[in-house]
Amino acid sequence: MSLEQLSSLSQIISAFAVVASLVFVGIQLHHATKAVRASTSQAHSANYYALNASIIGDGELARIWRESLADFDSQGPDAKVRFVALASSIFRFYESSRAQWLRGQLDPEHWQMIERQATSFASQPGIKSWWTLRRQWHSAEFRSWFEALPEADSRTLYAETTEGSVKAHPAEALGEA
């Protein structure tokens, strides 16, 4: 084999090595993207749980949340502060989720959950009062999106309580909620 043929053969082998390494890098990038997306999904769920944990772990805050959703204006000053702080946290989470979703960084399943919840909250009298107070804290894009949500059932999200027990919401009793 001549030196010229050896040179051609080594160039062909080098080309195959470059292609193989590019395929390997592509596979590694694909795996890394899946891992980042899974991590983002877990972080999103953990943040959502942390928001709910404040209500779950504090009976007084749960009462304030439930009552304020139905009638924010009837609450005392301290209850209003707690409701505004919690609603602000929830809606900051929603706005962050929207930004991630618009950039393709949030799974559609997570975004659909946020959109359904925001639609339910948008019709609540207490959220309407809160939105009037704090809408300016959100980006113009988020305000436009939230204000364009369709009208949903404006009944309170939580059932009335009777002697410490909770009555099922009529839609839940029929399996529609």
N, C-alpha and C. Protein backbone atom coordinates (compact mmCIF):
# COMPACT_ATOMS: atom_id res chain seq x y z
N MET A 1 0.85 -1.16 0.00
CA MET A 1 0.00 0.00 0.00
C MET A 1 0.90 1.23 0.00
N SER A 2 0.55 2.13 -0.89
CA SER A 2 1.38 3.33 -1.05
C SER A 2 1.07 4.32 0.08
N LEU A 3 1.94 5.27 0.20
CA LEU A 3 1.78 6.32 1.21
C LEU A 3 0.52 7.13 0.94
N GLU A 4 0.22 7.35 -0.33
CA GLU A 4 -0.97 8.10 -0.73
C GLU A 4 -2.24 7.33 -0.34
N GLN A 5 -2.26 6.03 -0.52
CA GLN A 5 -3.41 5.22 -0.16
C GLN A 5 -3.60 5.17 1.36
N LEU A 6 -2.48 5.09 2.08
CA LEU A 6 -2.53 5.11 3.54
C LEU A 6 -3.11 6.43 4.04
N SER A 7 -2.75 7.50 3.40
CA SER A 7 -3.25 8.82 3.78
C SER A 7 -4.76 8.90 3.55
N SER A 8 -5.21 8.39 2.42
CA SER A 8 -6.65 8.39 2.13
C SER A 8 -7.41 7.52 3.13
N LEU A 9 -6.86 6.37 3.44
CA LEU A 9 -7.49 5.47 4.41
C LEU A 9 -7.56 6.13 5.79
N SER A 10 -6.48 6.80 6.19
CA SER A 10 -6.49 7.45 7.51
C SER A 10 -7.50 8.61 7.55
N GLN A 11 -7.69 9.29 6.44
CA GLN A 11 -8.70 10.36 6.37
C GLN A 11 -10.12 9.79 6.50
N ILE A 12 -10.35 8.64 5.86
CA ILE A 12 -11.66 7.99 5.95
C ILE A 12 -11.91 7.53 7.39
N ILE A 13 -10.91 6.93 8.01
CA ILE A 13 -11.05 6.49 9.40
C ILE A 13 -11.29 7.68 10.32
N SER A 14 -10.58 8.77 10.09
CA SER A 14 -10.76 9.99 10.89
C SER A 14 -12.18 10.55 10.73
N ALA A 15 -12.68 10.52 9.51
CA ALA A 15 -14.04 11.01 9.27
C ALA A 15 -15.06 10.17 10.03
N PHE A 16 -14.89 8.84 9.99
CA PHE A 16 -15.79 7.96 10.75
C PHE A 16 -15.69 8.24 12.25
N ALA A 17 -14.49 8.49 12.75
CA ALA A 17 -14.30 8.78 14.18
C ALA A 17 -15.01 10.08 14.56
N VAL A 18 -14.92 11.08 13.70
CA VAL A 18 -15.58 12.36 13.97
C VAL A 18 -17.11 12.17 13.99
N VAL A 19 -17.63 11.44 13.02
CA VAL A 19 -19.07 11.18 12.96
C VAL A 19 -19.51 10.40 14.20
N ALA A 20 -18.75 9.38 14.57
CA ALA A 20 -19.09 8.59 15.76
C ALA A 20 -19.07 9.45 17.01
N SER A 21 -18.09 10.34 17.14
CA SER A 21 -18.04 11.19 18.33
C SER A 21 -19.19 12.19 18.34
N LEU A 22 -19.60 12.68 17.17
CA LEU A 22 -20.74 13.59 17.10
C LEU A 22 -22.04 12.87 17.48
N VAL A 23 -22.19 11.63 17.05
CA VAL A 23 -23.36 10.84 17.43
C VAL A 23 -23.35 10.64 18.94
N PHE A 24 -22.20 10.32 19.50
CA PHE A 24 -22.09 10.13 20.94
C PHE A 24 -22.46 11.41 21.69
N VAL A 25 -21.96 12.55 21.25
CA VAL A 25 -22.29 13.83 21.88
C VAL A 25 -23.79 14.11 21.78
N GLY A 26 -24.37 13.81 20.64
CA GLY A 26 -25.82 14.00 20.47
C GLY A 26 -26.62 13.15 21.44
N ILE A 27 -26.22 11.91 21.62
CA ILE A 27 -26.90 11.02 22.57
C ILE A 27 -26.76 11.55 23.99
N GLN A 28 -25.55 12.01 24.33
CA GLN A 28 -25.33 12.55 25.67
C GLN A 28 -26.16 13.82 25.90
N LEU A 29 -26.26 14.68 24.91
CA LEU A 29 -27.08 15.89 25.03
C LEU A 29 -28.55 15.54 25.21
N HIS A 30 -29.00 14.54 24.48
CA HIS A 30 -30.39 14.10 24.62
C HIS A 30 -30.66 13.61 26.04
N HIS A 31 -29.75 12.80 26.60
CA HIS A 31 -29.90 12.30 27.96
C HIS A 31 -29.84 13.45 28.97
N ALA A 32 -28.95 14.40 28.76
CA ALA A 32 -28.83 15.55 29.66
C ALA A 32 -30.10 16.40 29.62
N THR A 33 -30.67 16.59 28.44
CA THR A 33 -31.91 17.37 28.31
C THR A 33 -33.04 16.69 29.05
N LYS A 34 -33.14 15.36 28.92
CA LYS A 34 -34.18 14.63 29.64
C LYS A 34 -33.99 14.75 31.15
N ALA A 35 -32.74 14.71 31.60
CA ALA A 35 -32.47 14.82 33.03
C ALA A 35 -32.83 16.21 33.56
N VAL A 36 -32.51 17.24 32.79
CA VAL A 36 -32.83 18.61 33.19
C VAL A 36 -34.34 18.79 33.23
N ARG A 37 -35.02 18.26 32.25
CA ARG A 37 -36.48 18.37 32.21
C ARG A 37 -37.12 17.64 33.40
N ALA A 38 -36.61 16.48 33.74
CA ALA A 38 -37.12 15.75 34.91
C ALA A 38 -36.85 16.54 36.18
N SER A 39 -35.68 17.13 36.28
CA SER A 39 -35.34 17.93 37.44
C SER A 39 -36.24 19.16 37.55
N THR A 40 -36.53 19.79 36.42
CA THR A 40 -37.43 20.94 36.40
C THR A 40 -38.83 20.52 36.84
N SER A 41 -39.27 19.39 36.38
CA SER A 41 -40.58 18.87 36.76
C SER A 41 -40.65 18.63 38.26
N GLN A 42 -39.61 18.04 38.81
CA GLN A 42 -39.57 17.79 40.25
C GLN A 42 -39.55 19.10 41.04
N ALA A 43 -38.77 20.06 40.58
CA ALA A 43 -38.70 21.36 41.27
C ALA A 43 -40.05 22.07 41.21
N HIS A 44 -40.71 21.99 40.07
CA HIS A 44 -42.02 22.62 39.92
C HIS A 44 -43.01 22.01 40.91
N SER A 45 -43.02 20.70 41.01
CA SER A 45 -43.91 20.01 41.95
C SER A 45 -43.56 20.35 43.39
N ALA A 46 -42.28 20.43 43.71
CA ALA A 46 -41.85 20.76 45.08
C ALA A 46 -42.27 22.18 45.45
N ASN A 47 -42.14 23.11 44.50
CA ASN A 47 -42.56 24.50 44.76
C ASN A 47 -44.07 24.57 44.99
N TYR A 48 -44.81 23.83 44.20
CA TYR A 48 -46.27 23.80 44.36
C TYR A 48 -46.64 23.24 45.73
N TYR A 49 -45.99 22.16 46.11
CA TYR A 49 -46.26 21.56 47.42
C TYR A 49 -45.93 22.54 48.54
N ALA A 50 -44.82 23.26 48.42
CA ALA A 50 -44.42 24.22 49.46
C ALA A 50 -45.49 25.30 49.64
N LEU A 51 -46.08 25.75 48.54
CA LEU A 51 -47.15 26.74 48.64
C LEU A 51 -48.35 26.16 49.38
N ASN A 52 -48.72 24.94 49.03
CA ASN A 52 -49.87 24.30 49.67
C ASN A 52 -49.59 23.94 51.12
N ALA A 53 -48.34 23.64 51.44
CA ALA A 53 -47.98 23.25 52.81
C ALA A 53 -48.30 24.36 53.79
N SER A 54 -48.19 25.61 53.37
CA SER A 54 -48.50 26.71 54.28
C SER A 54 -49.97 26.70 54.68
N ILE A 55 -50.84 26.30 53.78
CA ILE A 55 -52.27 26.22 54.09
C ILE A 55 -52.56 24.93 54.87
N ILE A 56 -51.97 23.84 54.42
CA ILE A 56 -52.21 22.55 55.05
C ILE A 56 -51.77 22.55 56.52
N GLY A 57 -50.64 23.17 56.79
CA GLY A 57 -50.06 23.14 58.12
C GLY A 57 -50.57 24.20 59.08
N ASP A 58 -51.39 25.10 58.62
CA ASP A 58 -51.83 26.21 59.47
C ASP A 58 -53.34 26.38 59.33
N GLY A 59 -54.07 25.88 60.31
CA GLY A 59 -55.53 25.94 60.26
C GLY A 59 -56.06 27.36 60.16
N GLU A 60 -55.43 28.30 60.83
CA GLU A 60 -55.88 29.69 60.78
C GLU A 60 -55.70 30.24 59.36
N LEU A 61 -54.57 29.94 58.73
CA LEU A 61 -54.35 30.41 57.36
C LEU A 61 -55.33 29.74 56.40
N ALA A 62 -55.64 28.47 56.64
CA ALA A 62 -56.62 27.77 55.80
C ALA A 62 -57.98 28.47 55.89
N ARG A 63 -58.38 28.84 57.10
CA ARG A 63 -59.65 29.54 57.28
C ARG A 63 -59.64 30.89 56.57
N ILE A 64 -58.54 31.63 56.76
CA ILE A 64 -58.42 32.93 56.11
C ILE A 64 -58.48 32.77 54.60
N TRP A 65 -57.79 31.80 54.06
CA TRP A 65 -57.77 31.56 52.62
C TRP A 65 -59.18 31.27 52.10
N ARG A 66 -59.86 30.33 52.77
CA ARG A 66 -61.21 29.94 52.35
C ARG A 66 -62.18 31.11 52.43
N GLU A 67 -62.18 31.81 53.54
CA GLU A 67 -63.11 32.92 53.70
C GLU A 67 -62.78 34.09 52.78
N SER A 68 -61.50 34.36 52.60
CA SER A 68 -61.09 35.49 51.75
C SER A 68 -61.36 35.23 50.28
N LEU A 69 -61.28 33.98 49.86
CA LEU A 69 -61.63 33.68 48.47
C LEU A 69 -63.07 34.08 48.19
N ALA A 70 -63.93 33.85 49.16
CA ALA A 70 -65.35 34.17 48.98
C ALA A 70 -65.64 35.65 49.19
N ASP A 71 -64.93 36.29 50.15
CA ASP A 71 -65.23 37.69 50.47
C ASP A 71 -64.03 38.35 51.13
N PHE A 72 -63.12 38.82 50.34
CA PHE A 72 -61.90 39.47 50.83
C PHE A 72 -62.21 40.71 51.65
N ASP A 73 -63.17 41.50 51.20
CA ASP A 73 -63.45 42.79 51.82
C ASP A 73 -63.97 42.67 53.25
N SER A 74 -64.54 41.53 53.63
CA SER A 74 -65.08 41.38 54.99
C SER A 74 -64.01 40.97 56.00
N GLN A 75 -62.80 40.71 55.52
CA GLN A 75 -61.73 40.26 56.42
C GLN A 75 -61.10 41.43 57.17
N GLY A 76 -60.55 41.12 58.35
CA GLY A 76 -59.81 42.12 59.12
C GLY A 76 -58.47 42.40 58.48
N PRO A 77 -57.78 43.44 58.93
CA PRO A 77 -56.50 43.84 58.31
C PRO A 77 -55.44 42.74 58.32
N ASP A 78 -55.30 42.01 59.43
CA ASP A 78 -54.28 40.96 59.49
C ASP A 78 -54.60 39.80 58.55
N ALA A 79 -55.88 39.43 58.48
CA ALA A 79 -56.28 38.36 57.55
C ALA A 79 -56.05 38.80 56.12
N LYS A 80 -56.32 40.06 55.81
CA LYS A 80 -56.07 40.57 54.45
C LYS A 80 -54.59 40.48 54.09
N VAL A 81 -53.74 40.84 55.05
CA VAL A 81 -52.29 40.76 54.79
C VAL A 81 -51.88 39.33 54.49
N ARG A 82 -52.36 38.39 55.26
CA ARG A 82 -51.99 36.99 55.05
C ARG A 82 -52.54 36.47 53.71
N PHE A 83 -53.77 36.84 53.38
CA PHE A 83 -54.35 36.42 52.11
C PHE A 83 -53.59 37.02 50.93
N VAL A 84 -53.29 38.32 51.02
CA VAL A 84 -52.55 38.98 49.93
C VAL A 84 -51.17 38.34 49.76
N ALA A 85 -50.50 38.04 50.87
CA ALA A 85 -49.18 37.42 50.78
C ALA A 85 -49.26 36.04 50.14
N LEU A 86 -50.24 35.24 50.55
CA LEU A 86 -50.37 33.89 49.98
C LEU A 86 -50.78 33.94 48.51
N ALA A 87 -51.77 34.77 48.19
CA ALA A 87 -52.19 34.89 46.79
C ALA A 87 -51.03 35.41 45.93
N SER A 88 -50.25 36.34 46.46
CA SER A 88 -49.11 36.86 45.71
C SER A 88 -48.09 35.76 45.44
N SER A 89 -47.84 34.91 46.43
CA SER A 89 -46.91 33.79 46.23
C SER A 89 -47.42 32.83 45.17
N ILE A 90 -48.69 32.51 45.25
CA ILE A 90 -49.29 31.58 44.30
C ILE A 90 -49.21 32.15 42.89
N PHE A 91 -49.54 33.41 42.72
CA PHE A 91 -49.54 34.00 41.39
C PHE A 91 -48.13 34.26 40.88
N ARG A 92 -47.15 34.47 41.76
CA ARG A 92 -45.76 34.56 41.32
C ARG A 92 -45.34 33.20 40.79
N PHE A 93 -45.78 32.13 41.45
CA PHE A 93 -45.51 30.78 40.98
C PHE A 93 -46.15 30.58 39.60
N TYR A 94 -47.39 31.03 39.44
CA TYR A 94 -48.08 30.92 38.15
C TYR A 94 -47.32 31.69 37.07
N GLU A 95 -46.89 32.90 37.39
CA GLU A 95 -46.20 33.72 36.39
C GLU A 95 -44.86 33.08 36.00
N SER A 96 -44.16 32.57 36.98
CA SER A 96 -42.90 31.88 36.70
C SER A 96 -43.15 30.63 35.84
N SER A 97 -44.20 29.90 36.17
CA SER A 97 -44.55 28.71 35.38
C SER A 97 -44.88 29.10 33.95
N ARG A 98 -45.59 30.20 33.78
CA ARG A 98 -45.95 30.66 32.43
C ARG A 98 -44.69 31.00 31.64
N ALA A 99 -43.77 31.71 32.27
CA ALA A 99 -42.52 32.06 31.59
C ALA A 99 -41.76 30.80 31.18
N GLN A 100 -41.70 29.82 32.07
CA GLN A 100 -41.02 28.57 31.74
C GLN A 100 -41.73 27.84 30.61
N TRP A 101 -43.05 27.81 30.65
CA TRP A 101 -43.81 27.13 29.61
C TRP A 101 -43.61 27.81 28.26
N LEU A 102 -43.64 29.14 28.24
CA LEU A 102 -43.45 29.87 26.98
C LEU A 102 -42.07 29.61 26.38
N ARG A 103 -41.09 29.33 27.23
CA ARG A 103 -39.72 29.05 26.76
C ARG A 103 -39.48 27.57 26.51
N GLY A 104 -40.54 26.77 26.65
CA GLY A 104 -40.42 25.33 26.40
C GLY A 104 -39.70 24.60 27.51
N GLN A 105 -39.64 25.19 28.72
CA GLN A 105 -38.93 24.58 29.83
C GLN A 105 -39.84 23.88 30.82
N LEU A 106 -41.14 23.90 30.59
CA LEU A 106 -42.09 23.29 31.50
C LEU A 106 -42.97 22.33 30.72
N ASP A 107 -43.14 21.14 31.27
CA ASP A 107 -43.97 20.14 30.61
C ASP A 107 -45.40 20.64 30.44
N PRO A 108 -46.03 20.31 29.33
CA PRO A 108 -47.41 20.74 29.10
C PRO A 108 -48.37 20.31 30.20
N GLU A 109 -48.14 19.14 30.80
CA GLU A 109 -49.03 18.68 31.87
C GLU A 109 -49.01 19.63 33.06
N HIS A 110 -47.83 20.12 33.40
CA HIS A 110 -47.73 21.08 34.51
C HIS A 110 -48.43 22.38 34.14
N TRP A 111 -48.21 22.83 32.92
CA TRP A 111 -48.83 24.09 32.51
C TRP A 111 -50.35 23.97 32.48
N GLN A 112 -50.88 22.86 32.01
CA GLN A 112 -52.33 22.68 31.97
C GLN A 112 -52.93 22.74 33.37
N MET A 113 -52.24 22.19 34.37
CA MET A 113 -52.70 22.26 35.75
C MET A 113 -52.75 23.71 36.22
N ILE A 114 -51.71 24.46 35.93
CA ILE A 114 -51.66 25.88 36.32
C ILE A 114 -52.80 26.64 35.65
N GLU A 115 -53.00 26.41 34.38
CA GLU A 115 -54.03 27.13 33.64
C GLU A 115 -55.44 26.82 34.19
N ARG A 116 -55.69 25.56 34.52
CA ARG A 116 -56.99 25.20 35.09
C ARG A 116 -57.19 25.86 36.45
N GLN A 117 -56.17 25.84 37.28
CA GLN A 117 -56.28 26.46 38.60
C GLN A 117 -56.48 27.97 38.48
N ALA A 118 -55.70 28.61 37.63
CA ALA A 118 -55.83 30.06 37.47
C ALA A 118 -57.21 30.42 36.96
N THR A 119 -57.77 29.61 36.07
CA THR A 119 -59.12 29.86 35.57
C THR A 119 -60.13 29.75 36.71
N SER A 120 -59.97 28.76 37.57
CA SER A 120 -60.87 28.62 38.72
C SER A 120 -60.71 29.80 39.68
N PHE A 121 -59.48 30.18 39.96
CA PHE A 121 -59.24 31.28 40.88
C PHE A 121 -59.73 32.62 40.32
N ALA A 122 -59.60 32.81 39.02
CA ALA A 122 -59.95 34.10 38.42
C ALA A 122 -61.40 34.50 38.69
N SER A 123 -62.27 33.52 38.87
CA SER A 123 -63.69 33.84 39.08
C SER A 123 -64.03 34.03 40.56
N GLN A 124 -63.08 33.78 41.45
CA GLN A 124 -63.35 33.92 42.89
C GLN A 124 -63.36 35.39 43.29
N PRO A 125 -64.38 35.82 44.03
CA PRO A 125 -64.47 37.23 44.44
C PRO A 125 -63.22 37.74 45.16
N GLY A 126 -62.65 36.92 46.04
CA GLY A 126 -61.46 37.34 46.77
C GLY A 126 -60.25 37.54 45.87
N ILE A 127 -60.09 36.68 44.88
CA ILE A 127 -58.98 36.83 43.94
C ILE A 127 -59.22 38.07 43.07
N LYS A 128 -60.46 38.32 42.70
CA LYS A 128 -60.75 39.55 41.94
C LYS A 128 -60.35 40.79 42.74
N SER A 129 -60.66 40.79 44.04
CA SER A 129 -60.26 41.92 44.89
C SER A 129 -58.75 42.01 45.00
N TRP A 130 -58.10 40.87 45.20
CA TRP A 130 -56.64 40.84 45.29
C TRP A 130 -56.02 41.33 43.98
N TRP A 131 -56.56 40.87 42.85
CA TRP A 131 -56.02 41.24 41.54
C TRP A 131 -56.08 42.76 41.34
N THR A 132 -57.15 43.37 41.79
CA THR A 132 -57.28 44.83 41.69
C THR A 132 -56.16 45.52 42.47
N LEU A 133 -55.81 44.95 43.61
CA LEU A 133 -54.74 45.53 44.44
C LEU A 133 -53.34 45.27 43.89
N ARG A 134 -53.12 44.09 43.32
CA ARG A 134 -51.75 43.66 43.02
C ARG A 134 -51.45 43.32 41.56
N ARG A 135 -52.34 43.58 40.66
CA ARG A 135 -52.11 43.22 39.26
C ARG A 135 -50.85 43.89 38.71
N GLN A 136 -50.55 45.09 39.19
CA GLN A 136 -49.39 45.83 38.70
C GLN A 136 -48.06 45.17 39.08
N TRP A 137 -48.10 44.20 39.99
CA TRP A 137 -46.88 43.49 40.38
C TRP A 137 -46.47 42.44 39.35
N HIS A 138 -47.29 42.24 38.33
CA HIS A 138 -47.02 41.20 37.34
C HIS A 138 -46.71 41.83 35.98
N SER A 139 -46.05 41.05 35.16
CA SER A 139 -45.68 41.54 33.82
C SER A 139 -46.92 41.80 32.97
N ALA A 140 -46.75 42.66 32.00
CA ALA A 140 -47.86 42.98 31.09
C ALA A 140 -48.36 41.72 30.38
N GLU A 141 -47.45 40.85 29.99
CA GLU A 141 -47.83 39.61 29.30
C GLU A 141 -48.68 38.74 30.21
N PHE A 142 -48.26 38.58 31.48
CA PHE A 142 -49.01 37.76 32.41
C PHE A 142 -50.37 38.39 32.71
N ARG A 143 -50.42 39.69 32.89
CA ARG A 143 -51.70 40.36 33.15
C ARG A 143 -52.66 40.13 31.99
N SER A 144 -52.17 40.26 30.78
CA SER A 144 -53.03 40.05 29.60
C SER A 144 -53.55 38.62 29.56
N TRP A 145 -52.67 37.67 29.82
CA TRP A 145 -53.09 36.26 29.82
C TRP A 145 -54.14 36.01 30.89
N PHE A 146 -53.87 36.44 32.13
CA PHE A 146 -54.78 36.17 33.24
C PHE A 146 -56.13 36.83 33.01
N GLU A 147 -56.12 38.05 32.54
CA GLU A 147 -57.38 38.78 32.34
C GLU A 147 -58.18 38.24 31.16
N ALA A 148 -57.56 37.46 30.30
CA ALA A 148 -58.26 36.88 29.15
C ALA A 148 -58.78 35.47 29.43
N LEU A 149 -58.54 34.96 30.64
CA LEU A 149 -59.03 33.62 30.97
C LEU A 149 -60.56 33.60 30.90
N PRO A 150 -61.11 32.47 30.49
CA PRO A 150 -62.58 32.38 30.41
C PRO A 150 -63.20 32.39 31.80
N GLU A 151 -64.45 32.81 31.85
CA GLU A 151 -65.19 32.78 33.12
C GLU A 151 -65.42 31.33 33.53
N ALA A 152 -65.23 31.07 34.79
CA ALA A 152 -65.47 29.73 35.33
C ALA A 152 -66.57 29.83 36.37
N ASP A 153 -66.94 28.69 36.90
CA ASP A 153 -67.94 28.64 37.97
C ASP A 153 -67.47 29.52 39.11
N SER A 154 -68.26 30.49 39.51
CA SER A 154 -67.83 31.43 40.54
C SER A 154 -68.23 30.99 41.95
N ARG A 155 -68.82 29.79 42.07
CA ARG A 155 -69.09 29.28 43.42
C ARG A 155 -67.77 29.16 44.16
N THR A 156 -67.82 29.23 45.46
CA THR A 156 -66.58 29.11 46.22
C THR A 156 -65.95 27.75 45.92
N LEU A 157 -64.64 27.73 45.98
CA LEU A 157 -63.91 26.50 45.67
C LEU A 157 -64.00 25.47 46.78
N TYR A 158 -64.30 25.94 47.98
CA TYR A 158 -64.32 25.03 49.12
C TYR A 158 -65.73 24.98 49.68
N ALA A 159 -66.10 23.81 50.12
CA ALA A 159 -67.46 23.59 50.62
C ALA A 159 -67.68 24.35 51.92
N GLU A 160 -68.95 24.56 52.24
CA GLU A 160 -69.32 25.14 53.52
C GLU A 160 -69.03 24.11 54.60
N THR A 161 -68.74 24.57 55.79
CA THR A 161 -68.52 23.63 56.89
C THR A 161 -69.72 23.64 57.81
N THR A 162 -70.04 22.47 58.30
CA THR A 162 -71.13 22.30 59.25
C THR A 162 -70.63 21.43 60.39
N GLU A 163 -70.57 21.99 61.58
CA GLU A 163 -70.14 21.25 62.77
C GLU A 163 -68.84 20.49 62.53
N GLY A 164 -67.87 21.17 61.92
CA GLY A 164 -66.55 20.58 61.74
C GLY A 164 -66.42 19.64 60.56
N SER A 165 -67.50 19.32 59.87
CA SER A 165 -67.37 18.44 58.71
C SER A 165 -67.50 19.26 57.44
N VAL A 166 -66.98 18.73 56.37
CA VAL A 166 -67.02 19.44 55.09
C VAL A 166 -68.03 18.78 54.18
N LYS A 167 -68.93 19.58 53.64
CA LYS A 167 -69.89 19.07 52.66
C LYS A 167 -69.21 19.00 51.31
N ALA A 168 -69.49 17.98 50.57
CA ALA A 168 -68.91 17.86 49.23
C ALA A 168 -69.50 18.93 48.32
N HIS A 169 -68.64 19.49 47.50
CA HIS A 169 -69.09 20.43 46.47
C HIS A 169 -69.99 19.65 45.53
N PRO A 170 -71.12 20.21 45.06
CA PRO A 170 -72.05 19.44 44.20
C PRO A 170 -71.37 18.79 43.00
N ALA A 171 -70.43 19.49 42.37
CA ALA A 171 -69.76 18.91 41.20
C ALA A 171 -68.89 17.72 41.62
N GLU A 172 -68.27 17.81 42.81
CA GLU A 172 -67.44 16.70 43.30
C GLU A 172 -68.30 15.48 43.59
N ALA A 173 -69.49 15.70 44.14
CA ALA A 173 -70.38 14.58 44.46
C ALA A 173 -70.77 13.82 43.21
N LEU A 174 -70.82 14.53 42.08
CA LEU A 174 -71.18 13.87 40.82
C LEU A 174 -69.95 13.36 40.07
N GLY A 175 -68.76 13.59 40.65
CA GLY A 175 -67.53 13.16 39.99
C GLY A 175 -67.13 14.05 38.84
N GLU A 176 -67.60 15.31 38.83
CA GLU A 176 -67.29 16.22 37.72
C GLU A 176 -66.16 17.17 38.05
N ALA A 177 -65.77 17.30 39.29
CA ALA A 177 -64.75 18.28 39.66
C ALA A 177 -63.36 17.73 39.47
